[in-house]
Amino acid sequence: MAHSVKKETRRKAHRVIMRRVNRKDYRMSSRLKWLFLSGVVITLLAFPLAYGQQNKFKLKPGAQGKLCLECHDAFKEKLKNPFVHTPVKTGECSECHNPHSSSHGKLLDEDPNKICNKCHEGIVPKNSKSSHKVVMEGNCVKCHDPHASNNKFALLKPGNELCFSCHKTMGDAVTKAKFKHSPVEKGCLNCHNPHASAKAEHLLKNEIVALCVECHKPDSPAFVRQHANYPVAKADCSSCHDAHGSNKAGILFDNVHAPVANKGCTQCHEAATSPTPFKTKRAGYELCRGCHSTMMSDTFNKNRIHWPLVDKKGCLSCHEPHASKEKKLLIANVASLCGTCHTDTMEKQEKYAEMEKQEKAAVAASKGKIQEKGAVAHSPVMDGSCLACHAPHASDNVFLMTNPSQVELCGTCHEWLKHSSHPIGAKIIDSRNKNLTVQCLSCHRSHGTGYKYLNPFPTITDLCTQCHKQYKR
């Protein structure tokens, strides 16, 4: 009897448990059904929205891309190129173009200089140290074909050919160089980033030394021997070597300082075994005086000295100590070098050059109706031939001019006696200032003014009436 009671009790307990489990299963099932139905509803609601975004112009199904090619039939051939821009490949022409109307050329959906940035916004790193001008201007199409190309990355031309289409001078130098630099021959992108660099100037992928030691091992015996045992592992390689190639062995710059060419580093520096091997034996121009004593003596005997020569840097204000692309070991070409200090003068030349360019275009377009008048800019200044008139180190004359007489100096280029009847020279007093004589610069400005014939006034009448006041109107 007791056994039967226990058995019945177990059955009741089992039934209670099962009822609870069934209720729990029902609740779980209801939740799953609800979640499933919610997912279906959300998907159905989201699909039209996503499709609407992709098909914002409500084109017929399957019409994207294919519809455009019905008119742009010749475009089919272009799409056979191996490298096709992703939106073009997927038929998303409306990603870049508006099929109806636009304020921009070629029905572009955005400003041509900004449209690429919609997708390629991370192409220029934040706080970049250098950036490619065409990238910053948004002229992506200067390098890339927006639709398709035979070249990787949809480039207009392959490798260096593309870079040298703008950097022509560099391209010519690389081609003509007797001693080539292997990475340059293989491609500019071995050392440069095409868009921007977060690490270095000149679009370099890394700082110069870090970049060079990726290939050149400064601890190798041959490397140490070539550099006269000096610890150059952290020195600036570009102070001696031209990374793009050279006509000198070791791709040294074409113009090499004699002590460097002869590996006579100790002529200027302390010994390689010294605690300070790169320290120069003397400071400033005193170091250079040891070899260039005649020139230095002549310079310091003049009444006027070019101030960079006597500052802390001395000769190195204008000259490279080891090697240079430029003659006389100049840091840069004369125009750029002089322009580092005389910025205002050189900036004006750019302005004057543009004025002359516009005038010549107007004269050509007029077909003889407009006559070209006198120059706005002085050609020696425009060409960067500052040394045609000025001495670079010192002179006895004002403005470091190479000739004490303005008339004689200008006369080396201008045969003024054949085109001027105005009296000038040491015997002709300037009526505006009795302490001055009438010289070329009494009426002209040697670096230009923006007016014709380098005059300081807009018209000839304005100029002449400065002295001949009786003819003022």
Protein backbone atom coordinates (compact mmCIF):
# COMPACT_ATOMS: atom_id res chain seq x y z
CA MET A 1 0.00 0.00 0.00
CA ALA A 2 2.74 2.44 0.90
CA HIS A 3 4.50 1.55 -2.36
CA SER A 4 1.38 2.50 -4.41
CA VAL A 5 1.06 5.84 -2.66
CA LYS A 6 4.69 6.70 -3.45
CA LYS A 7 4.18 5.69 -7.07
CA GLU A 8 1.09 7.90 -7.40
CA THR A 9 2.91 10.81 -5.80
CA ARG A 10 5.72 10.50 -8.36
CA ARG A 11 3.19 10.52 -11.23
CA LYS A 12 1.55 13.72 -9.94
CA ALA A 13 4.92 15.39 -9.57
CA HIS A 14 5.85 14.37 -13.13
CA ARG A 15 2.60 15.80 -14.51
CA VAL A 16 3.22 19.13 -12.71
CA ILE A 17 6.75 19.32 -14.06
CA MET A 18 5.59 18.54 -17.63
CA ARG A 19 2.89 21.22 -17.48
CA ARG A 20 5.52 23.76 -16.43
CA VAL A 21 7.91 22.65 -19.20
CA ASN A 22 5.11 22.84 -21.79
CA ARG A 23 4.21 26.36 -20.67
CA LYS A 24 7.90 27.39 -20.86
CA ASP A 25 8.28 25.84 -24.33
CA TYR A 26 5.20 27.69 -25.50
CA ARG A 27 6.58 30.98 -24.24
CA MET A 28 9.97 30.29 -25.90
CA SER A 29 8.25 29.34 -29.14
CA SER A 30 6.15 32.51 -29.07
CA ARG A 31 9.26 34.64 -28.56
CA LEU A 32 11.11 32.97 -31.43
CA LYS A 33 8.12 33.44 -33.72
CA TRP A 34 7.92 37.09 -32.71
CA LEU A 35 11.64 37.63 -33.34
CA PHE A 36 11.41 35.90 -36.72
CA LEU A 37 8.39 37.95 -37.80
CA SER A 38 10.11 41.16 -36.61
CA GLY A 39 13.17 40.30 -38.69
CA VAL A 40 11.03 39.72 -41.76
CA VAL A 41 9.21 43.01 -41.27
CA ILE A 42 12.47 44.96 -40.75
CA THR A 43 14.00 43.34 -43.86
CA LEU A 44 10.94 44.17 -45.94
CA LEU A 45 11.01 47.77 -44.70
CA ALA A 46 14.75 48.15 -45.16
CA PHE A 47 14.89 46.68 -48.66
CA PRO A 48 13.00 49.49 -50.39
CA LEU A 49 15.06 52.06 -48.45
CA ALA A 50 18.39 50.44 -49.43
CA TYR A 51 17.21 49.92 -52.98
CA GLY A 52 16.02 53.50 -53.06
CA GLN A 53 19.44 54.71 -52.01
CA GLN A 54 21.13 52.58 -54.66
CA ASN A 55 18.54 53.49 -57.25
CA LYS A 56 17.97 57.11 -56.29
CA PHE A 57 16.93 58.02 -59.83
CA LYS A 58 14.29 55.21 -59.94
CA LEU A 59 15.72 53.55 -62.99
CA LYS A 60 14.02 50.48 -64.40
CA PRO A 61 15.21 47.13 -62.98
CA GLY A 62 18.41 46.11 -64.70
CA ALA A 63 18.73 49.50 -66.37
CA GLN A 64 21.69 50.78 -64.37
CA GLY A 65 24.80 50.89 -66.52
CA LYS A 66 23.18 49.03 -69.42
CA LEU A 67 20.80 51.90 -70.09
CA CYS A 68 23.72 54.36 -70.32
CA LEU A 69 25.51 52.15 -72.84
CA GLU A 70 22.57 52.30 -75.23
CA CYS A 71 23.64 55.86 -76.07
CA HIS A 72 27.30 55.74 -75.05
CA ASP A 73 27.97 52.82 -77.35
CA ALA A 74 31.64 53.66 -77.92
CA PHE A 75 32.15 53.35 -74.17
CA LYS A 76 31.75 49.56 -74.37
CA GLU A 77 35.22 49.32 -75.87
CA LYS A 78 36.74 51.20 -72.93
CA LEU A 79 35.20 48.74 -70.48
CA LYS A 80 37.30 45.96 -72.04
CA ASN A 81 40.39 47.44 -70.34
CA PRO A 82 41.76 45.23 -67.55
CA PHE A 83 41.41 47.85 -64.80
CA VAL A 84 37.89 49.24 -64.42
CA HIS A 85 36.74 51.70 -61.75
CA THR A 86 34.46 49.80 -59.34
CA PRO A 87 31.33 51.98 -59.81
CA VAL A 88 31.71 51.58 -63.58
CA LYS A 89 32.22 47.82 -63.30
CA THR A 90 29.05 47.45 -61.22
CA GLY A 91 27.08 49.72 -63.56
CA GLU A 92 26.67 52.44 -60.95
CA CYS A 93 27.14 55.38 -63.35
CA SER A 94 24.85 57.48 -61.15
CA GLU A 95 27.38 57.26 -58.31
CA CYS A 96 29.31 60.02 -60.10
CA HIS A 97 26.88 61.36 -62.72
CA ASN A 98 23.40 62.83 -62.56
CA PRO A 99 21.40 61.38 -65.49
CA HIS A 100 19.15 64.45 -65.77
CA SER A 101 20.99 67.71 -65.13
CA SER A 102 23.94 69.14 -63.25
CA SER A 103 25.72 72.38 -62.43
CA HIS A 104 29.01 70.66 -63.26
CA GLY A 105 30.57 69.52 -66.53
CA LYS A 106 29.91 65.99 -67.83
CA LEU A 107 26.79 65.89 -65.62
CA LEU A 108 28.94 65.18 -62.58
CA ASP A 109 26.96 64.91 -59.37
CA GLU A 110 29.50 66.95 -57.41
CA ASP A 111 32.27 69.51 -57.86
CA PRO A 112 34.93 67.77 -60.02
CA ASN A 113 37.59 68.63 -57.43
CA LYS A 114 35.63 67.03 -54.61
CA ILE A 115 33.73 64.12 -56.13
CA CYS A 116 36.51 61.53 -55.72
CA ASN A 117 36.80 62.37 -52.03
CA LYS A 118 33.26 61.03 -51.44
CA CYS A 119 34.67 57.50 -51.58
CA HIS A 120 38.43 58.01 -51.28
CA GLU A 121 38.39 60.32 -48.27
CA GLY A 122 41.35 58.70 -46.49
CA ILE A 123 43.74 59.10 -49.38
CA VAL A 124 45.59 61.98 -47.68
CA PRO A 125 46.71 61.18 -44.10
CA LYS A 126 45.93 63.65 -41.35
CA ASN A 127 48.79 66.01 -40.45
CA SER A 128 50.71 64.98 -43.56
CA LYS A 129 54.19 66.51 -43.89
CA SER A 130 53.94 66.81 -47.66
CA SER A 131 51.20 66.43 -50.22
CA HIS A 132 50.99 66.21 -54.00
CA LYS A 133 49.73 69.46 -55.48
CA VAL A 134 47.33 67.80 -57.94
CA VAL A 135 45.78 65.80 -55.09
CA MET A 136 45.19 68.88 -52.96
CA GLU A 137 43.65 70.62 -55.96
CA GLY A 138 41.36 67.63 -56.52
CA ASN A 139 42.75 67.02 -60.02
CA CYS A 140 42.70 63.24 -59.68
CA VAL A 141 42.06 62.89 -63.42
CA LYS A 142 45.56 64.27 -64.08
CA CYS A 143 46.80 60.80 -63.07
CA HIS A 144 43.78 58.50 -63.11
CA ASP A 145 41.16 57.58 -65.70
CA PRO A 146 37.82 57.74 -63.88
CA HIS A 147 36.38 54.86 -65.92
CA ALA A 148 38.95 52.29 -67.04
CA SER A 149 42.58 51.92 -68.04
CA ASN A 150 45.22 49.48 -69.23
CA ASN A 151 47.28 50.38 -66.14
CA LYS A 152 46.94 49.35 -62.52
CA PHE A 153 45.02 51.80 -60.32
CA ALA A 154 43.45 53.11 -63.54
CA LEU A 155 46.52 55.29 -64.15
CA LEU A 156 46.67 57.19 -67.43
CA LYS A 157 50.22 56.02 -68.13
CA PRO A 158 52.42 53.31 -66.64
CA GLY A 159 55.00 53.96 -63.90
CA ASN A 160 57.58 56.68 -64.35
CA GLU A 161 56.13 57.69 -67.69
CA LEU A 162 53.18 59.19 -65.83
CA CYS A 163 55.34 61.08 -63.30
CA PHE A 164 57.67 62.44 -65.97
CA SER A 165 54.78 63.79 -68.03
CA CYS A 166 54.67 66.62 -65.44
CA HIS A 167 58.16 66.41 -63.96
CA LYS A 168 59.82 66.75 -67.37
CA THR A 169 63.10 68.25 -66.13
CA MET A 170 63.52 65.42 -63.66
CA GLY A 171 62.63 62.88 -66.34
CA ASP A 172 65.27 64.27 -68.70
CA ALA A 173 67.91 64.22 -65.95
CA VAL A 174 67.10 60.63 -64.98
CA THR A 175 67.24 59.50 -68.61
CA LYS A 176 70.55 61.23 -69.32
CA ALA A 177 72.28 60.26 -66.05
CA LYS A 178 75.37 58.11 -66.63
CA PHE A 179 75.05 56.37 -63.27
CA LYS A 180 71.50 55.21 -62.55
CA HIS A 181 69.84 54.60 -59.19
CA SER A 182 68.09 51.22 -59.34
CA PRO A 183 64.94 52.16 -57.33
CA VAL A 184 64.30 55.12 -59.64
CA GLU A 185 64.54 52.95 -62.73
CA LYS A 186 62.09 50.47 -61.21
CA GLY A 187 59.60 53.20 -60.33
CA CYS A 188 59.19 56.48 -58.46
CA LEU A 189 56.82 54.81 -56.01
CA ASN A 190 59.68 52.82 -54.49
CA CYS A 191 60.57 55.96 -52.54
CA HIS A 192 57.60 58.32 -52.94
CA ASN A 193 53.93 58.24 -52.00
CA PRO A 194 51.84 59.48 -54.92
CA HIS A 195 49.25 61.32 -52.81
CA ALA A 196 50.79 62.49 -49.53
CA SER A 197 53.31 61.50 -46.89
CA ALA A 198 52.79 61.52 -43.15
CA LYS A 199 56.50 61.02 -42.49
CA ALA A 200 58.63 63.22 -44.73
CA GLU A 201 58.98 66.09 -47.18
CA HIS A 202 58.91 65.60 -50.95
CA LEU A 203 56.30 62.82 -50.63
CA LEU A 204 58.99 60.43 -49.39
CA LYS A 205 57.73 57.28 -47.69
CA ASN A 206 60.13 57.85 -44.81
CA GLU A 207 62.83 60.25 -43.64
CA ILE A 208 65.83 60.21 -45.98
CA VAL A 209 68.21 58.18 -43.79
CA ALA A 210 65.56 55.64 -42.78
CA LEU A 211 64.59 55.25 -46.43
CA CYS A 212 68.18 54.78 -47.67
CA VAL A 213 69.17 52.17 -45.08
CA GLU A 214 66.33 49.92 -46.24
CA CYS A 215 68.64 49.02 -49.14
CA HIS A 216 72.10 50.27 -48.10
CA LYS A 217 73.69 48.66 -45.04
CA PRO A 218 75.90 51.25 -43.29
CA ASP A 219 77.65 48.61 -41.18
CA SER A 220 79.00 46.68 -44.17
CA PRO A 221 82.80 46.92 -44.67
CA ALA A 222 82.44 48.23 -48.24
CA PHE A 223 80.08 51.00 -47.10
CA VAL A 224 82.41 52.05 -44.27
CA ARG A 225 85.41 52.06 -46.62
CA GLN A 226 83.64 54.17 -49.24
CA HIS A 227 82.87 56.80 -46.60
CA ALA A 228 86.44 57.07 -45.30
CA ASN A 229 85.50 55.32 -42.02
CA TYR A 230 83.26 58.22 -40.97
CA PRO A 231 80.12 57.14 -39.04
CA VAL A 232 77.63 58.34 -41.64
CA ALA A 233 74.82 55.91 -40.72
CA LYS A 234 72.71 58.80 -39.42
CA ALA A 235 74.05 61.54 -41.71
CA ASP A 236 71.97 63.16 -44.47
CA CYS A 237 72.72 61.08 -47.59
CA SER A 238 71.35 63.83 -49.84
CA SER A 239 74.15 66.22 -48.85
CA CYS A 240 76.44 64.29 -51.24
CA HIS A 241 74.32 61.93 -53.33
CA ASP A 242 71.71 62.58 -56.00
CA ALA A 243 69.03 59.97 -55.42
CA HIS A 244 67.74 60.26 -58.99
CA GLY A 245 71.04 59.47 -60.70
CA SER A 246 74.20 61.32 -61.62
CA ASN A 247 77.12 61.58 -64.02
CA LYS A 248 79.50 60.94 -61.14
CA ALA A 249 80.35 57.50 -59.75
CA GLY A 250 78.59 56.70 -56.49
CA ILE A 251 75.73 58.93 -57.76
CA LEU A 252 77.44 61.92 -56.18
CA PHE A 253 76.02 65.23 -57.35
CA ASP A 254 77.55 66.42 -60.61
CA ASN A 255 79.47 69.21 -58.87
CA VAL A 256 81.62 67.85 -56.06
CA HIS A 257 83.75 69.86 -53.62
CA ALA A 258 87.40 68.93 -54.25
CA PRO A 259 88.10 67.64 -50.70
CA VAL A 260 85.07 65.32 -50.95
CA ALA A 261 86.08 64.07 -54.40
CA ASN A 262 89.56 63.25 -53.02
CA LYS A 263 88.12 61.75 -49.81
CA GLY A 264 89.99 64.42 -47.89
CA CYS A 265 87.32 64.84 -45.22
CA THR A 266 89.92 65.72 -42.59
CA GLN A 267 90.70 68.87 -44.55
CA CYS A 268 87.53 70.39 -43.02
CA HIS A 269 86.41 67.90 -40.34
CA GLU A 270 88.01 66.31 -37.34
CA ALA A 271 89.29 62.74 -37.74
CA ALA A 272 86.85 59.85 -38.14
CA THR A 273 88.07 58.41 -34.82
CA SER A 274 87.39 61.68 -32.98
CA PRO A 275 84.53 61.89 -30.43
CA THR A 276 83.11 64.64 -32.69
CA PRO A 277 84.04 63.47 -36.21
CA PHE A 278 81.69 65.83 -38.05
CA LYS A 279 82.79 68.97 -36.22
CA THR A 280 84.54 71.43 -38.54
CA LYS A 281 88.01 72.63 -37.66
CA ARG A 282 86.95 76.27 -37.88
CA ALA A 283 83.64 78.11 -37.92
CA GLY A 284 81.98 80.09 -40.71
CA TYR A 285 84.02 81.64 -43.50
CA GLU A 286 87.25 81.11 -41.54
CA LEU A 287 87.12 77.43 -42.56
CA CYS A 288 86.80 78.30 -46.24
CA ARG A 289 89.55 80.92 -46.07
CA GLY A 290 92.15 78.12 -45.85
CA CYS A 291 91.69 77.24 -49.53
CA HIS A 292 89.89 80.28 -50.93
CA SER A 293 92.24 82.85 -49.44
CA THR A 294 92.56 85.04 -52.57
CA MET A 295 88.83 85.32 -53.04
CA MET A 296 88.29 86.03 -49.33
CA SER A 297 90.96 88.72 -49.30
CA ASP A 298 89.44 90.43 -52.35
CA THR A 299 86.01 90.23 -50.74
CA PHE A 300 87.00 91.81 -47.44
CA ASN A 301 88.86 94.60 -49.21
CA LYS A 302 85.59 95.83 -50.74
CA ASN A 303 83.50 98.64 -49.24
CA ARG A 304 80.27 96.65 -49.20
CA ILE A 305 79.94 92.96 -48.26
CA HIS A 306 76.93 90.71 -48.84
CA TRP A 307 75.70 90.13 -45.28
CA PRO A 308 75.10 86.32 -45.47
CA LEU A 309 78.84 85.88 -45.92
CA VAL A 310 79.60 87.23 -42.44
CA ASP A 311 76.77 85.67 -40.43
CA LYS A 312 77.18 82.45 -38.41
CA LYS A 313 76.66 80.16 -41.40
CA GLY A 314 79.05 82.14 -43.56
CA CYS A 315 79.62 80.60 -46.99
CA LEU A 316 77.09 77.84 -46.25
CA SER A 317 74.31 80.43 -46.49
CA CYS A 318 74.57 80.01 -50.26
CA HIS A 319 76.91 77.06 -50.94
CA GLU A 320 76.78 73.32 -50.23
CA PRO A 321 79.89 72.04 -48.45
CA HIS A 322 80.02 68.62 -50.13
CA ALA A 323 78.28 68.46 -53.51
CA SER A 324 75.48 70.10 -55.50
CA LYS A 325 73.50 69.92 -58.71
CA GLU A 326 74.33 73.57 -59.30
CA LYS A 327 77.60 75.08 -60.45
CA LYS A 328 79.76 76.75 -57.79
CA LEU A 329 78.16 74.33 -55.30
CA LEU A 330 75.16 76.66 -54.93
CA ILE A 331 72.32 75.42 -52.74
CA ALA A 332 69.80 76.06 -55.53
CA ASN A 333 69.58 77.85 -58.87
CA VAL A 334 70.32 81.57 -58.60
CA ALA A 335 66.69 82.71 -58.84
CA SER A 336 65.55 80.38 -56.05
CA LEU A 337 68.60 81.05 -53.92
CA CYS A 338 68.33 84.85 -54.11
CA GLY A 339 64.58 84.52 -53.64
CA THR A 340 65.01 82.96 -50.19
CA CYS A 341 65.96 86.41 -48.87
CA HIS A 342 64.72 88.74 -51.62
CA THR A 343 61.29 87.17 -51.62
CA ASP A 344 59.36 90.31 -52.56
CA THR A 345 61.44 90.87 -55.70
CA MET A 346 61.13 87.29 -56.96
CA GLU A 347 57.40 87.05 -56.17
CA LYS A 348 56.79 90.19 -58.24
CA GLN A 349 58.52 88.52 -61.20
CA GLU A 350 55.88 85.78 -61.21
CA LYS A 351 53.17 88.44 -61.27
CA TYR A 352 54.88 90.35 -64.10
CA ALA A 353 55.42 87.15 -66.09
CA GLU A 354 51.70 86.42 -65.94
CA MET A 355 50.90 89.98 -67.06
CA GLU A 356 53.21 89.63 -70.07
CA LYS A 357 51.72 86.23 -70.91
CA GLN A 358 48.20 87.68 -70.93
CA GLU A 359 49.27 90.64 -73.06
CA LYS A 360 50.98 88.42 -75.63
CA ALA A 361 47.84 86.29 -75.84
CA ALA A 362 45.73 89.41 -76.39
CA VAL A 363 48.11 90.67 -79.10
CA ALA A 364 47.99 87.29 -80.87
CA ALA A 365 44.18 87.15 -80.65
CA SER A 366 43.83 90.71 -82.06
CA LYS A 367 45.49 89.70 -85.36
CA GLY A 368 47.48 92.91 -85.65
CA LYS A 369 44.93 95.30 -84.15
CA ILE A 370 46.86 95.55 -80.88
CA GLN A 371 50.59 96.23 -80.86
CA GLU A 372 52.81 94.81 -78.14
CA LYS A 373 54.49 97.57 -76.14
CA GLY A 374 57.51 97.61 -73.85
CA ALA A 375 58.33 94.86 -71.41
CA VAL A 376 56.75 94.77 -67.95
CA ALA A 377 59.57 92.69 -66.48
CA HIS A 378 63.34 92.90 -66.78
CA SER A 379 64.54 89.69 -68.45
CA PRO A 380 67.74 89.14 -66.38
CA VAL A 381 65.68 89.22 -63.20
CA MET A 382 62.94 87.08 -64.73
CA ASP A 383 65.54 84.52 -65.86
CA GLY A 384 67.24 84.48 -62.48
CA SER A 385 70.43 86.04 -63.84
CA CYS A 386 70.97 88.24 -60.81
CA LEU A 387 74.73 88.08 -61.32
CA ALA A 388 74.39 89.99 -64.58
CA CYS A 389 74.17 93.16 -62.49
CA HIS A 390 75.16 92.23 -58.92
CA ALA A 391 78.30 90.80 -57.32
CA PRO A 392 77.41 87.88 -55.01
CA HIS A 393 80.09 88.42 -52.36
CA ALA A 394 81.12 92.09 -52.21
CA SER A 395 81.44 95.28 -54.20
CA ASP A 396 82.58 98.86 -53.91
CA ASN A 397 79.30 99.97 -55.49
CA VAL A 398 75.82 100.51 -54.10
CA PHE A 399 73.49 97.51 -54.30
CA LEU A 400 76.61 95.37 -54.88
CA MET A 401 76.48 96.38 -58.54
CA THR A 402 79.29 95.11 -60.76
CA ASN A 403 79.89 98.53 -62.36
CA PRO A 404 79.97 101.90 -60.61
CA SER A 405 78.20 103.57 -63.56
CA GLN A 406 74.53 102.73 -64.05
CA VAL A 407 74.75 103.92 -67.66
CA GLU A 408 77.71 101.64 -68.43
CA LEU A 409 76.17 98.70 -66.60
CA CYS A 410 72.86 99.00 -68.44
CA GLY A 411 74.81 99.64 -71.65
CA THR A 412 76.25 96.12 -71.57
CA CYS A 413 72.84 94.94 -72.81
CA HIS A 414 70.99 98.10 -73.93
CA GLU A 415 72.43 100.26 -76.69
CA TRP A 416 70.67 103.27 -75.20
CA LEU A 417 72.44 105.82 -77.46
CA LYS A 418 70.55 104.36 -80.43
CA HIS A 419 67.10 104.74 -78.97
CA SER A 420 67.28 107.63 -76.48
CA SER A 421 67.85 111.35 -76.95
CA HIS A 422 67.28 112.18 -73.28
CA PRO A 423 70.45 113.59 -71.70
CA ILE A 424 71.85 111.29 -69.01
CA GLY A 425 75.16 110.86 -67.23
CA ALA A 426 77.32 112.30 -64.50
CA LYS A 427 77.03 115.91 -65.78
CA ILE A 428 73.21 116.01 -65.92
CA ILE A 429 71.62 117.10 -62.63
CA ASP A 430 68.24 115.61 -61.62
CA SER A 431 65.86 118.56 -61.16
CA ARG A 432 64.00 116.71 -58.39
CA ASN A 433 67.13 116.40 -56.26
CA LYS A 434 70.20 118.54 -56.88
CA ASN A 435 72.39 115.90 -55.19
CA LEU A 436 71.56 113.33 -57.89
CA THR A 437 72.42 113.01 -61.56
CA VAL A 438 70.12 111.65 -64.26
CA GLN A 439 70.85 107.95 -64.70
CA CYS A 440 68.91 104.99 -66.11
CA LEU A 441 67.30 104.35 -62.73
CA SER A 442 66.01 107.94 -62.63
CA CYS A 443 63.23 106.85 -64.97
CA HIS A 444 63.31 103.02 -64.84
CA ARG A 445 63.22 100.41 -62.08
CA SER A 446 65.59 97.53 -62.72
CA HIS A 447 63.41 94.86 -61.10
CA GLY A 448 60.20 95.97 -62.81
CA THR A 449 57.15 97.85 -61.63
CA GLY A 450 54.26 96.25 -63.46
CA TYR A 451 54.18 99.18 -65.91
CA LYS A 452 55.58 99.30 -69.43
CA TYR A 453 59.29 99.93 -69.97
CA LEU A 454 59.88 99.32 -66.24
CA ASN A 455 58.51 102.80 -65.57
CA PRO A 456 57.52 103.71 -62.00
CA PHE A 457 54.31 105.42 -63.24
CA PRO A 458 51.36 104.13 -65.28
CA THR A 459 51.97 106.39 -68.29
CA ILE A 460 54.91 108.11 -69.98
CA THR A 461 53.21 111.49 -69.36
CA ASP A 462 53.02 110.78 -65.63
CA LEU A 463 56.72 109.97 -65.63
CA CYS A 464 57.95 112.94 -67.68
CA THR A 465 55.91 115.53 -65.78
CA GLN A 466 57.72 114.59 -62.56
CA CYS A 467 60.52 116.85 -63.85
CA HIS A 468 58.81 118.78 -66.64
CA LYS A 469 56.04 120.10 -64.43
CA GLN A 470 55.05 122.80 -66.93
CA TYR A 471 53.53 120.10 -69.14
CA LYS A 472 51.24 118.67 -66.49
CA ARG A 473 47.59 118.56 -67.55
